[in-house]
C-alpha cells in the first residue's frame, strides 16, 4: 500500500462527511426549516413557496427539520359527548389537517406527533362545544353536516392558527348510543316521527276540506248562474212566444214527474196532459 493512500482516503472521507453535512434534499411533498443553534433561519418549500430540491447549509452549525406538506389525518376514536338533551353519545371523528406555517408549528409543537396531540386536544374541545349544543337527533341524522362544518370553522378560528396549521375537514364517522339508552332514544325518536306524521296528515285533511268547500262553493255559484241564465232565456222566450213557452214548461214537468218506474195517478182529461190530448197546446 502506498504511503500516501491512507491520507488520501482520510481526506476523501472527511470531504464526504463535510458534503453530507452541508447539503440536503427537500422533496416536492415535504417542507423544511433550517435552524442555526436551534434558532430559526429560513423555510424551504413552504406552502407559499415552491423550491424543492437540493439545498445547502453550514455543516455542524445548522440543522434541518423536515415536515410533511400534504394533508394529514388524525382519528379521534370513542369520544363520549353529552348532547343538549342530556343523551350520552360515543362519537368517532376524523380531522384532516396540514402545516401551513412551519416556523410557528416548530415553535409550538416541534414534531408532527406533538402537533397531532395538540390538535386532538383542540378537536375534542370543539366537538364537545358543538355537539353539546345539539340534540342527539340532530347529531345522529338531522344536522350532522352543519355541525361538522361548525367544528371545522371553530378549530380554524382558535387552535389551528396558534399551531400554524389549517383544518381542511372534520368528519363524524360514527355516532353510537350506549347500550343502556338505545331503546329509550329510539322510542323517543319514533314518537317524534309519529307526531310529525300526524301533523302532516292533519294539515293534508284540512287542506282537502278547504279545497272541497271551495269547489262546492264554485259549483253552487256556477249552478246559480246557470239557473239564472236559463230563467232569463225562458223569460225572453215566453215574451216572444207564450204558447211555445207553455209547451216547453209542460215538457219539463213531464220529464221531472214521470221518472222510470214511478207510478202516477192522474185523470186523463187533466190539464197536466193537455199537450198529449191535443195536437196544439193552449187552453181547452
C-alpha atoms as a PDB file:
ATOM      1  CA  UNK A   1       0.000   0.000   0.000  1.00  0.00           C
ATOM      2  CA  UNK A   2       1.456   3.410  -0.947  1.00  0.00           C
ATOM      3  CA  UNK A   3       2.355   5.649   1.966  1.00  0.00           C
ATOM      4  CA  UNK A   4       0.037   8.475   0.905  1.00  0.00           C
ATOM      5  CA  UNK A   5      -3.067   6.280   0.373  1.00  0.00           C
ATOM      6  CA  UNK A   6      -4.365   6.413   3.991  1.00  0.00           C
ATOM      7  CA  UNK A   7      -4.037  10.181   3.960  1.00  0.00           C
ATOM      8  CA  UNK A   8      -5.944  10.408   0.674  1.00  0.00           C
ATOM      9  CA  UNK A   9      -8.650   8.099   1.982  1.00  0.00           C
ATOM     10  CA  UNK A  10      -8.887  10.132   5.173  1.00  0.00           C
ATOM     11  CA  UNK A  11      -9.221  13.374   3.248  1.00  0.00           C
ATOM     12  CA  UNK A  12     -11.848  11.812   0.968  1.00  0.00           C
ATOM     13  CA  UNK A  13     -13.794  10.571   3.994  1.00  0.00           C
ATOM     14  CA  UNK A  14     -13.684  13.987   5.644  1.00  0.00           C
ATOM     15  CA  UNK A  15     -14.794  15.601   2.392  1.00  0.00           C
ATOM     16  CA  UNK A  16     -17.691  13.150   2.114  1.00  0.00           C
ATOM     17  CA  UNK A  17     -18.757  13.868   5.686  1.00  0.00           C
ATOM     18  CA  UNK A  18     -18.492  17.590   5.036  1.00  0.00           C
ATOM     19  CA  UNK A  19     -20.510  17.287   1.821  1.00  0.00           C
ATOM     20  CA  UNK A  20     -23.218  15.243   3.523  1.00  0.00           C
ATOM     21  CA  UNK A  21     -23.459  17.764   6.344  1.00  0.00           C
ATOM     22  CA  UNK A  22     -23.668  20.835   4.159  1.00  0.00           C
ATOM     23  CA  UNK A  23     -26.275  19.597   1.645  1.00  0.00           C
ATOM     24  CA  UNK A  24     -29.766  18.164   1.907  1.00  0.00           C
ATOM     25  CA  UNK A  25     -32.709  17.450  -0.383  1.00  0.00           C
ATOM     26  CA  UNK A  26     -36.299  18.585   0.182  1.00  0.00           C
ATOM     27  CA  UNK A  27     -38.862  16.542  -1.729  1.00  0.00           C
ATOM     28  CA  UNK A  28     -41.831  18.062  -3.531  1.00  0.00           C
ATOM     29  CA  UNK A  29     -44.251  16.752  -0.873  1.00  0.00           C
ATOM     30  CA  UNK A  30     -42.121  17.951   2.053  1.00  0.00           C
ATOM     31  CA  UNK A  31     -41.169  21.289   3.600  1.00  0.00           C
ATOM     32  CA  UNK A  32     -38.255  22.166   5.852  1.00  0.00           C
ATOM     33  CA  UNK A  33     -36.968  24.774   8.249  1.00  0.00           C
ATOM     34  CA  UNK A  34     -33.258  25.452   8.772  1.00  0.00           C
ATOM     35  CA  UNK A  35     -32.130  26.070  12.345  1.00  0.00           C
ATOM     36  CA  UNK A  36     -28.824  27.558  13.498  1.00  0.00           C
ATOM     37  CA  UNK A  37     -28.040  26.531  17.064  1.00  0.00           C
ATOM     38  CA  UNK A  38     -31.769  25.850  17.494  1.00  0.00           C
ATOM     39  CA  UNK A  39     -32.872  29.252  16.176  1.00  0.00           C
ATOM     40  CA  UNK A  40     -34.976  29.661  13.044  1.00  0.00           C
ATOM     41  CA  UNK A  41     -33.074  30.766   9.924  1.00  0.00           C
ATOM     42  CA  UNK A  42     -35.231  30.086   6.865  1.00  0.00           C
ATOM     43  CA  UNK A  43     -38.019  27.970   5.387  1.00  0.00           C
ATOM     44  CA  UNK A  44     -37.765  25.793   2.288  1.00  0.00           C
ATOM     45  CA  UNK A  45     -40.696  24.681   0.104  1.00  0.00           C
ATOM     46  CA  UNK A  46     -43.372  26.021   2.456  1.00  0.00           C
ATOM     47  CA  UNK A  47     -46.999  26.232   1.133  1.00  0.00           C
ATOM     48  CA  UNK A  48     -46.383  29.774  -0.098  1.00  0.00           C
ATOM     49  CA  UNK A  49     -43.129  28.680  -1.801  1.00  0.00           C
ATOM     50  CA  UNK A  50     -42.158  26.207  -4.488  1.00  0.00           C
ATOM     51  CA  UNK A  51     -38.459  25.482  -4.166  1.00  0.00           C
ATOM     52  CA  UNK A  52     -37.899  21.779  -3.538  1.00  0.00           C
ATOM     53  CA  UNK A  53     -34.647  20.060  -4.462  1.00  0.00           C
ATOM     54  CA  UNK A  54     -31.022  20.285  -3.388  1.00  0.00           C
ATOM     55  CA  UNK A  55     -30.187  22.867  -0.709  1.00  0.00           C
ATOM     56  CA  UNK A  56     -27.136  23.752   1.360  1.00  0.00           C
ATOM     57  CA  UNK A  57     -26.427  24.638   4.984  1.00  0.00           C
ATOM     58  CA  UNK A  58     -23.475  25.237   7.242  1.00  0.00           C
ATOM     59  CA  UNK A  59     -22.194  21.878   8.459  1.00  0.00           C
ATOM     60  CA  UNK A  60     -22.317  21.127  12.196  1.00  0.00           C
ATOM     61  CA  UNK A  61     -23.811  24.594  12.791  1.00  0.00           C
ATOM     62  CA  UNK A  62     -27.186  24.412  11.095  1.00  0.00           C
ATOM     63  CA  UNK A  63     -29.734  21.606  11.279  1.00  0.00           C
ATOM     64  CA  UNK A  64     -32.813  20.826   9.185  1.00  0.00           C
ATOM     65  CA  UNK A  65     -36.253  19.767  10.354  1.00  0.00           C
ATOM     66  CA  UNK A  66     -38.480  18.184   7.717  1.00  0.00           C
ATOM     67  CA  UNK A  67     -42.301  18.320   7.834  1.00  0.00           C
ATOM     68  CA  UNK A  68     -44.917  16.812   5.583  1.00  0.00           C
ATOM     69  CA  UNK A  69     -46.522  19.241   3.166  1.00  0.00           C
ATOM     70  CA  UNK A  70     -49.511  17.007   2.393  1.00  0.00           C
ATOM     71  CA  UNK A  71     -52.908  16.660   4.013  1.00  0.00           C
ATOM     72  CA  UNK A  72     -52.572  14.639   7.214  1.00  0.00           C
ATOM     73  CA  UNK A  73     -55.186  12.613   9.087  1.00  0.00           C
ATOM     74  CA  UNK A  74     -55.994  12.396  12.774  1.00  0.00           C
ATOM     75  CA  UNK A  75     -58.517   9.902  14.171  1.00  0.00           C
ATOM     76  CA  UNK A  76     -60.410  10.666  17.366  1.00  0.00           C
ATOM     77  CA  UNK A  77     -61.962   7.334  18.407  1.00  0.00           C
ATOM     78  CA  UNK A  78     -64.596   6.870  21.073  1.00  0.00           C
ATOM     79  CA  UNK A  79     -65.246  10.434  22.227  1.00  0.00           C
ATOM     80  CA  UNK A  80     -68.027  10.483  24.827  1.00  0.00           C
ATOM     81  CA  UNK A  81     -70.235  13.531  24.270  1.00  0.00           C
ATOM     82  CA  UNK A  82     -73.291  14.678  26.213  1.00  0.00           C
ATOM     83  CA  UNK A  83     -75.857  16.203  23.822  1.00  0.00           C
ATOM     84  CA  UNK A  84     -78.103  19.120  24.729  1.00  0.00           C
ATOM     85  CA  UNK A  85     -80.936  16.694  25.560  1.00  0.00           C
ATOM     86  CA  UNK A  86     -78.597  15.017  28.100  1.00  0.00           C
ATOM     87  CA  UNK A  87     -78.097  11.894  25.988  1.00  0.00           C
ATOM     88  CA  UNK A  88     -74.641  10.296  26.192  1.00  0.00           C
ATOM     89  CA  UNK A  89     -73.156   9.506  22.778  1.00  0.00           C
ATOM     90  CA  UNK A  90     -69.978   7.744  21.624  1.00  0.00           C
ATOM     91  CA  UNK A  91     -68.593   9.744  18.703  1.00  0.00           C
ATOM     92  CA  UNK A  92     -65.805   8.740  16.310  1.00  0.00           C
ATOM     93  CA  UNK A  93     -64.341  11.616  14.288  1.00  0.00           C
ATOM     94  CA  UNK A  94     -61.570  12.222  11.754  1.00  0.00           C
ATOM     95  CA  UNK A  95     -59.680  15.513  11.350  1.00  0.00           C
ATOM     96  CA  UNK A  96     -57.747  16.330   8.154  1.00  0.00           C
ATOM     97  CA  UNK A  97     -55.048  18.952   8.675  1.00  0.00           C
ATOM     98  CA  UNK A  98     -51.884  20.345   7.094  1.00  0.00           C
ATOM     99  CA  UNK A  99     -48.983  22.516   8.162  1.00  0.00           C
ATOM    100  CA  UNK A 100     -49.205  25.980   6.611  1.00  0.00           C
ATOM    101  CA  UNK A 101     -46.670  27.830   8.804  1.00  0.00           C
ATOM    102  CA  UNK A 102     -43.719  25.512   9.573  1.00  0.00           C
ATOM    103  CA  UNK A 103     -41.914  28.166  11.643  1.00  0.00           C
ATOM    104  CA  UNK A 104     -44.872  28.587  14.025  1.00  0.00           C
ATOM    105  CA  UNK A 105     -45.504  24.855  14.019  1.00  0.00           C
ATOM    106  CA  UNK A 106     -41.920  24.194  15.113  1.00  0.00           C
ATOM    107  CA  UNK A 107     -42.173  26.796  17.854  1.00  0.00           C
ATOM    108  CA  UNK A 108     -45.443  25.389  19.290  1.00  0.00           C
ATOM    109  CA  UNK A 109     -45.368  21.659  18.504  1.00  0.00           C
ATOM    110  CA  UNK A 110     -41.809  20.762  17.422  1.00  0.00           C
ATOM    111  CA  UNK A 111     -42.777  17.465  15.769  1.00  0.00           C
ATOM    112  CA  UNK A 112     -45.728  16.176  13.777  1.00  0.00           C
ATOM    113  CA  UNK A 113     -46.584  13.822  16.644  1.00  0.00           C
ATOM    114  CA  UNK A 114     -46.636  16.779  19.003  1.00  0.00           C
ATOM    115  CA  UNK A 115     -48.872  18.636  16.567  1.00  0.00           C
ATOM    116  CA  UNK A 116     -51.293  15.711  16.437  1.00  0.00           C
ATOM    117  CA  UNK A 117     -51.529  15.697  20.223  1.00  0.00           C
ATOM    118  CA  UNK A 118     -52.266  19.433  20.354  1.00  0.00           C
ATOM    119  CA  UNK A 119     -54.819  19.208  17.541  1.00  0.00           C
ATOM    120  CA  UNK A 120     -56.514  16.269  19.295  1.00  0.00           C
ATOM    121  CA  UNK A 121     -56.959  18.388  22.427  1.00  0.00           C
ATOM    122  CA  UNK A 122     -58.405  21.307  20.451  1.00  0.00           C
ATOM    123  CA  UNK A 123     -60.629  18.986  18.383  1.00  0.00           C
ATOM    124  CA  UNK A 124     -62.059  17.256  21.461  1.00  0.00           C
ATOM    125  CA  UNK A 125     -62.939  20.621  22.972  1.00  0.00           C
ATOM    126  CA  UNK A 126     -64.534  21.783  19.704  1.00  0.00           C
ATOM    127  CA  UNK A 127     -66.516  18.547  19.453  1.00  0.00           C
ATOM    128  CA  UNK A 128     -67.893  18.996  22.956  1.00  0.00           C
ATOM    129  CA  UNK A 129     -68.841  22.615  22.287  1.00  0.00           C
ATOM    130  CA  UNK A 130     -70.606  21.891  19.002  1.00  0.00           C
ATOM    131  CA  UNK A 131     -72.239  18.598  19.920  1.00  0.00           C
ATOM    132  CA  UNK A 132     -73.149  19.754  23.410  1.00  0.00           C
ATOM    133  CA  UNK A 133     -75.390  22.440  21.919  1.00  0.00           C
ATOM    134  CA  UNK A 134     -77.196  19.997  19.565  1.00  0.00           C
ATOM    135  CA  UNK A 135     -79.742  17.313  20.300  1.00  0.00           C
ATOM    136  CA  UNK A 136     -78.989  13.638  19.834  1.00  0.00           C
ATOM    137  CA  UNK A 137     -81.411  13.523  16.895  1.00  0.00           C
ATOM    138  CA  UNK A 138     -79.509  16.321  15.135  1.00  0.00           C
ATOM    139  CA  UNK A 139     -76.172  14.611  15.740  1.00  0.00           C
ATOM    140  CA  UNK A 140     -77.362  11.194  14.578  1.00  0.00           C
ATOM    141  CA  UNK A 141     -79.172  12.268  11.418  1.00  0.00           C
ATOM    142  CA  UNK A 142     -80.635  15.751  11.220  1.00  0.00           C
ATOM    143  CA  UNK A 143     -77.869  18.400  11.181  1.00  0.00           C
ATOM    144  CA  UNK A 144     -74.634  16.413  11.097  1.00  0.00           C
ATOM    145  CA  UNK A 145     -73.193  18.229   8.052  1.00  0.00           C
ATOM    146  CA  UNK A 146     -73.806  21.652   9.599  1.00  0.00           C
ATOM    147  CA  UNK A 147     -72.323  20.502  12.923  1.00  0.00           C
ATOM    148  CA  UNK A 148     -69.148  19.192  11.239  1.00  0.00           C
ATOM    149  CA  UNK A 149     -68.722  22.494   9.394  1.00  0.00           C
ATOM    150  CA  UNK A 150     -69.153  24.389  12.667  1.00  0.00           C
ATOM    151  CA  UNK A 151     -66.435  22.250  14.308  1.00  0.00           C
ATOM    152  CA  UNK A 152     -64.063  22.874  11.388  1.00  0.00           C
ATOM    153  CA  UNK A 153     -64.654  26.626  11.500  1.00  0.00           C
ATOM    154  CA  UNK A 154     -64.169  26.680  15.263  1.00  0.00           C
ATOM    155  CA  UNK A 155     -60.854  24.834  15.032  1.00  0.00           C
ATOM    156  CA  UNK A 156     -59.513  27.115  12.302  1.00  0.00           C
ATOM    157  CA  UNK A 157     -60.513  30.188  14.298  1.00  0.00           C
ATOM    158  CA  UNK A 158     -58.797  29.067  17.512  1.00  0.00           C
ATOM    159  CA  UNK A 159     -56.204  26.314  17.963  1.00  0.00           C
ATOM    160  CA  UNK A 160     -55.230  25.805  14.326  1.00  0.00           C
ATOM    161  CA  UNK A 161     -53.968  29.357  13.902  1.00  0.00           C
ATOM    162  CA  UNK A 162     -51.945  29.078  17.094  1.00  0.00           C
ATOM    163  CA  UNK A 163     -50.267  25.881  15.854  1.00  0.00           C
ATOM    164  CA  UNK A 164     -49.570  27.118  12.334  1.00  0.00           C
ATOM    165  CA  UNK A 165     -51.857  24.514  10.750  1.00  0.00           C
ATOM    166  CA  UNK A 166     -55.097  24.598   8.764  1.00  0.00           C
ATOM    167  CA  UNK A 167     -58.007  22.208   9.330  1.00  0.00           C
ATOM    168  CA  UNK A 168     -59.236  21.051   5.929  1.00  0.00           C
ATOM    169  CA  UNK A 169     -62.057  18.812   7.069  1.00  0.00           C
ATOM    170  CA  UNK A 170     -63.784  17.329  10.101  1.00  0.00           C
ATOM    171  CA  UNK A 171     -65.880  14.201   9.680  1.00  0.00           C
ATOM    172  CA  UNK A 172     -68.043  12.462  12.251  1.00  0.00           C
ATOM    173  CA  UNK A 173     -67.642   8.870  11.146  1.00  0.00           C
ATOM    174  CA  UNK A 174     -69.957   7.151  13.580  1.00  0.00           C
ATOM    175  CA  UNK A 175     -72.298   8.038  16.420  1.00  0.00           C
ATOM    176  CA  UNK A 176     -73.284   5.220  18.777  1.00  0.00           C
ATOM    177  CA  UNK A 177     -75.633   5.190  21.705  1.00  0.00           C
ATOM    178  CA  UNK A 178     -74.641   3.357  24.873  1.00  0.00           C
ATOM    179  CA  UNK A 179     -76.428   0.028  25.090  1.00  0.00           C
ATOM    180  CA  UNK A 180     -78.492   1.054  28.107  1.00  0.00           C
ATOM    181  CA  UNK A 181     -80.004   4.090  26.339  1.00  0.00           C
ATOM    182  CA  UNK A 182     -80.550   2.788  22.804  1.00  0.00           C
ATOM    183  CA  UNK A 183     -84.109   1.520  23.307  1.00  0.00           C
ATOM    184  CA  UNK A 184     -85.241   4.702  25.070  1.00  0.00           C
ATOM    185  CA  UNK A 185     -83.745   7.019  22.456  1.00  0.00           C
ATOM    186  CA  UNK A 186     -85.136   5.025  19.545  1.00  0.00           C
ATOM    187  CA  UNK A 187     -88.594   5.005  21.161  1.00  0.00           C
ATOM    188  CA  UNK A 188     -88.461   8.773  21.596  1.00  0.00           C
ATOM    189  CA  UNK A 189     -87.331   9.288  18.003  1.00  0.00           C
ATOM    190  CA  UNK A 190     -90.160   7.033  16.782  1.00  0.00           C
ATOM    191  CA  UNK A 191     -92.686   9.010  18.843  1.00  0.00           C
ATOM    192  CA  UNK A 192     -91.410  12.295  17.417  1.00  0.00           C
ATOM    193  CA  UNK A 193     -91.665  10.949  13.862  1.00  0.00           C
ATOM    194  CA  UNK A 194     -95.229   9.768  14.541  1.00  0.00           C
ATOM    195  CA  UNK A 195     -96.134  13.224  15.839  1.00  0.00           C
ATOM    196  CA  UNK A 196     -94.719  14.820  12.689  1.00  0.00           C
ATOM    197  CA  UNK A 197     -96.640  12.328  10.520  1.00  0.00           C
ATOM    198  CA  UNK A 198     -99.886  13.041  12.419  1.00  0.00           C
ATOM    199  CA  UNK A 199     -99.382  16.784  11.999  1.00  0.00           C
ATOM    200  CA  UNK A 200     -98.778  16.390   8.267  1.00  0.00           C
ATOM    201  CA  UNK A 201    -101.865  14.189   7.900  1.00  0.00           C
ATOM    202  CA  UNK A 202    -103.975  16.747   9.773  1.00  0.00           C
ATOM    203  CA  UNK A 203    -102.680  19.544   7.546  1.00  0.00           C
ATOM    204  CA  UNK A 204    -103.475  17.443   4.473  1.00  0.00           C
ATOM    205  CA  UNK A 205    -107.008  16.743   5.653  1.00  0.00           C
ATOM    206  CA  UNK A 206    -107.552  20.424   6.464  1.00  0.00           C
ATOM    207  CA  UNK A 207    -106.297  21.454   3.047  1.00  0.00           C
ATOM    208  CA  UNK A 208    -108.509  18.816   1.396  1.00  0.00           C
ATOM    209  CA  UNK A 209    -111.536  20.149   3.313  1.00  0.00           C
ATOM    210  CA  UNK A 210    -110.754  23.692   2.236  1.00  0.00           C
ATOM    211  CA  UNK A 211    -110.346  22.618  -1.387  1.00  0.00           C
ATOM    212  CA  UNK A 212    -113.625  20.635  -1.285  1.00  0.00           C
ATOM    213  CA  UNK A 213    -115.518  23.544   0.261  1.00  0.00           C
ATOM    214  CA  UNK A 214    -114.100  25.914  -2.339  1.00  0.00           C
ATOM    215  CA  UNK A 215    -115.081  23.541  -5.144  1.00  0.00           C
ATOM    216  CA  UNK A 216    -118.605  23.209  -3.732  1.00  0.00           C
ATOM    217  CA  UNK A 217    -118.956  26.955  -3.456  1.00  0.00           C
ATOM    218  CA  UNK A 218    -117.768  27.369  -7.021  1.00  0.00           C
ATOM    219  CA  UNK A 219    -120.152  24.642  -8.226  1.00  0.00           C
ATOM    220  CA  UNK A 220    -123.069  26.257  -6.401  1.00  0.00           C
ATOM    221  CA  UNK A 221    -122.182  29.643  -7.892  1.00  0.00           C
ATOM    222  CA  UNK A 222    -121.986  28.157 -11.385  1.00  0.00           C
ATOM    223  CA  UNK A 223    -125.320  26.350 -10.902  1.00  0.00           C
ATOM    224  CA  UNK A 224    -126.889  29.595  -9.726  1.00  0.00           C
ATOM    225  CA  UNK A 225    -125.508  31.432 -12.708  1.00  0.00           C
ATOM    226  CA  UNK A 226    -126.786  28.655 -14.998  1.00  0.00           C
ATOM    227  CA  UNK A 227    -130.240  28.697 -13.421  1.00  0.00           C
ATOM    228  CA  UNK A 228    -130.364  32.456 -13.701  1.00  0.00           C
ATOM    229  CA  UNK A 229    -129.321  32.352 -17.344  1.00  0.00           C
ATOM    230  CA  UNK A 230    -131.902  29.609 -18.003  1.00  0.00           C
ATOM    231  CA  UNK A 231    -134.626  31.677 -16.344  1.00  0.00           C
ATOM    232  CA  UNK A 232    -133.582  34.732 -18.345  1.00  0.00           C
ATOM    233  CA  UNK A 233    -133.686  32.794 -21.607  1.00  0.00           C
ATOM    234  CA  UNK A 234    -137.045  31.252 -20.705  1.00  0.00           C
ATOM    235  CA  UNK A 235    -138.477  34.631 -19.794  1.00  0.00           C
ATOM    236  CA  UNK A 236    -137.324  36.042 -23.117  1.00  0.00           C
ATOM    237  CA  UNK A 237    -138.805  33.096 -24.990  1.00  0.00           C
ATOM    238  CA  UNK A 238    -142.111  33.438 -23.095  1.00  0.00           C
ATOM    239  CA  UNK A 239    -142.371  37.079 -24.093  1.00  0.00           C
ATOM    240  CA  UNK A 240    -141.859  36.224 -27.756  1.00  0.00           C
ATOM    241  CA  UNK A 241    -143.996  33.046 -27.975  1.00  0.00           C
ATOM    242  CA  UNK A 242    -146.156  32.298 -24.911  1.00  0.00           C
ATOM    243  CA  UNK A 243    -147.594  29.128 -26.459  1.00  0.00           C
ATOM    244  CA  UNK A 244    -144.147  27.611 -27.072  1.00  0.00           C
ATOM    245  CA  UNK A 245    -143.059  28.626 -23.594  1.00  0.00           C
ATOM    246  CA  UNK A 246    -146.056  26.882 -22.080  1.00  0.00           C
ATOM    247  CA  UNK A 247    -145.304  23.788 -24.175  1.00  0.00           C
ATOM    248  CA  UNK A 248    -141.654  23.767 -23.079  1.00  0.00           C
ATOM    249  CA  UNK A 249    -142.622  24.184 -19.437  1.00  0.00           C
ATOM    250  CA  UNK A 250    -145.032  21.243 -19.699  1.00  0.00           C
ATOM    251  CA  UNK A 251    -142.342  19.061 -21.281  1.00  0.00           C
ATOM    252  CA  UNK A 252    -140.046  19.892 -18.421  1.00  0.00           C
ATOM    253  CA  UNK A 253    -142.754  18.993 -15.959  1.00  0.00           C
ATOM    254  CA  UNK A 254    -143.315  15.652 -17.727  1.00  0.00           C
ATOM    255  CA  UNK A 255    -139.588  14.950 -17.609  1.00  0.00           C
ATOM    256  CA  UNK A 256    -139.319  15.702 -13.888  1.00  0.00           C
ATOM    257  CA  UNK A 257    -142.576  13.997 -12.862  1.00  0.00           C
ATOM    258  CA  UNK A 258    -142.600  10.852 -14.978  1.00  0.00           C
ATOM    259  CA  UNK A 259    -139.460   9.059 -13.807  1.00  0.00           C
ATOM    260  CA  UNK A 260    -138.859   5.450 -14.911  1.00  0.00           C
ATOM    261  CA  UNK A 261    -140.730   3.036 -12.674  1.00  0.00           C
ATOM    262  CA  UNK A 262    -142.650   5.762 -10.854  1.00  0.00           C
ATOM    263  CA  UNK A 263    -146.439   5.181 -10.791  1.00  0.00           C
ATOM    264  CA  UNK A 264    -148.678   8.294 -11.121  1.00  0.00           C
ATOM    265  CA  UNK A 265    -152.454   8.528 -10.952  1.00  0.00           C
ATOM    266  CA  UNK A 266    -153.880  11.485 -12.885  1.00  0.00           C
ATOM    267  CA  UNK A 267    -157.230  11.957 -14.606  1.00  0.00           C
ATOM    268  CA  UNK A 268    -156.865  11.568 -18.398  1.00  0.00           C
ATOM    269  CA  UNK A 269    -158.621  14.872 -19.013  1.00  0.00           C
ATOM    270  CA  UNK A 270    -156.338  16.690 -16.552  1.00  0.00           C
ATOM    271  CA  UNK A 271    -154.658  19.866 -17.744  1.00  0.00           C
ATOM    272  CA  UNK A 272    -151.384  18.109 -16.998  1.00  0.00           C
ATOM    273  CA  UNK A 273    -151.832  16.003 -20.154  1.00  0.00           C
ATOM    274  CA  UNK A 274    -153.401  18.627 -22.373  1.00  0.00           C
ATOM    275  CA  UNK A 275    -150.443  18.551 -24.779  1.00  0.00           C
ATOM    276  CA  UNK A 276    -150.883  14.809 -25.128  1.00  0.00           C
ATOM    277  CA  UNK A 277    -154.628  15.150 -25.779  1.00  0.00           C
ATOM    278  CA  UNK A 278    -154.412  17.972 -28.325  1.00  0.00           C
ATOM    279  CA  UNK A 279    -152.040  18.415 -31.152  1.00  0.00           C
ATOM    280  CA  UNK A 280    -151.773  22.074 -30.388  1.00  0.00           C
ATOM    281  CA  UNK A 281    -151.162  23.370 -26.939  1.00  0.00           C
ATOM    282  CA  UNK A 282    -153.200  26.017 -25.271  1.00  0.00           C
ATOM    283  CA  UNK A 283    -156.302  26.276 -23.104  1.00  0.00           C
ATOM    284  CA  UNK A 284    -159.134  23.753 -23.585  1.00  0.00           C
END
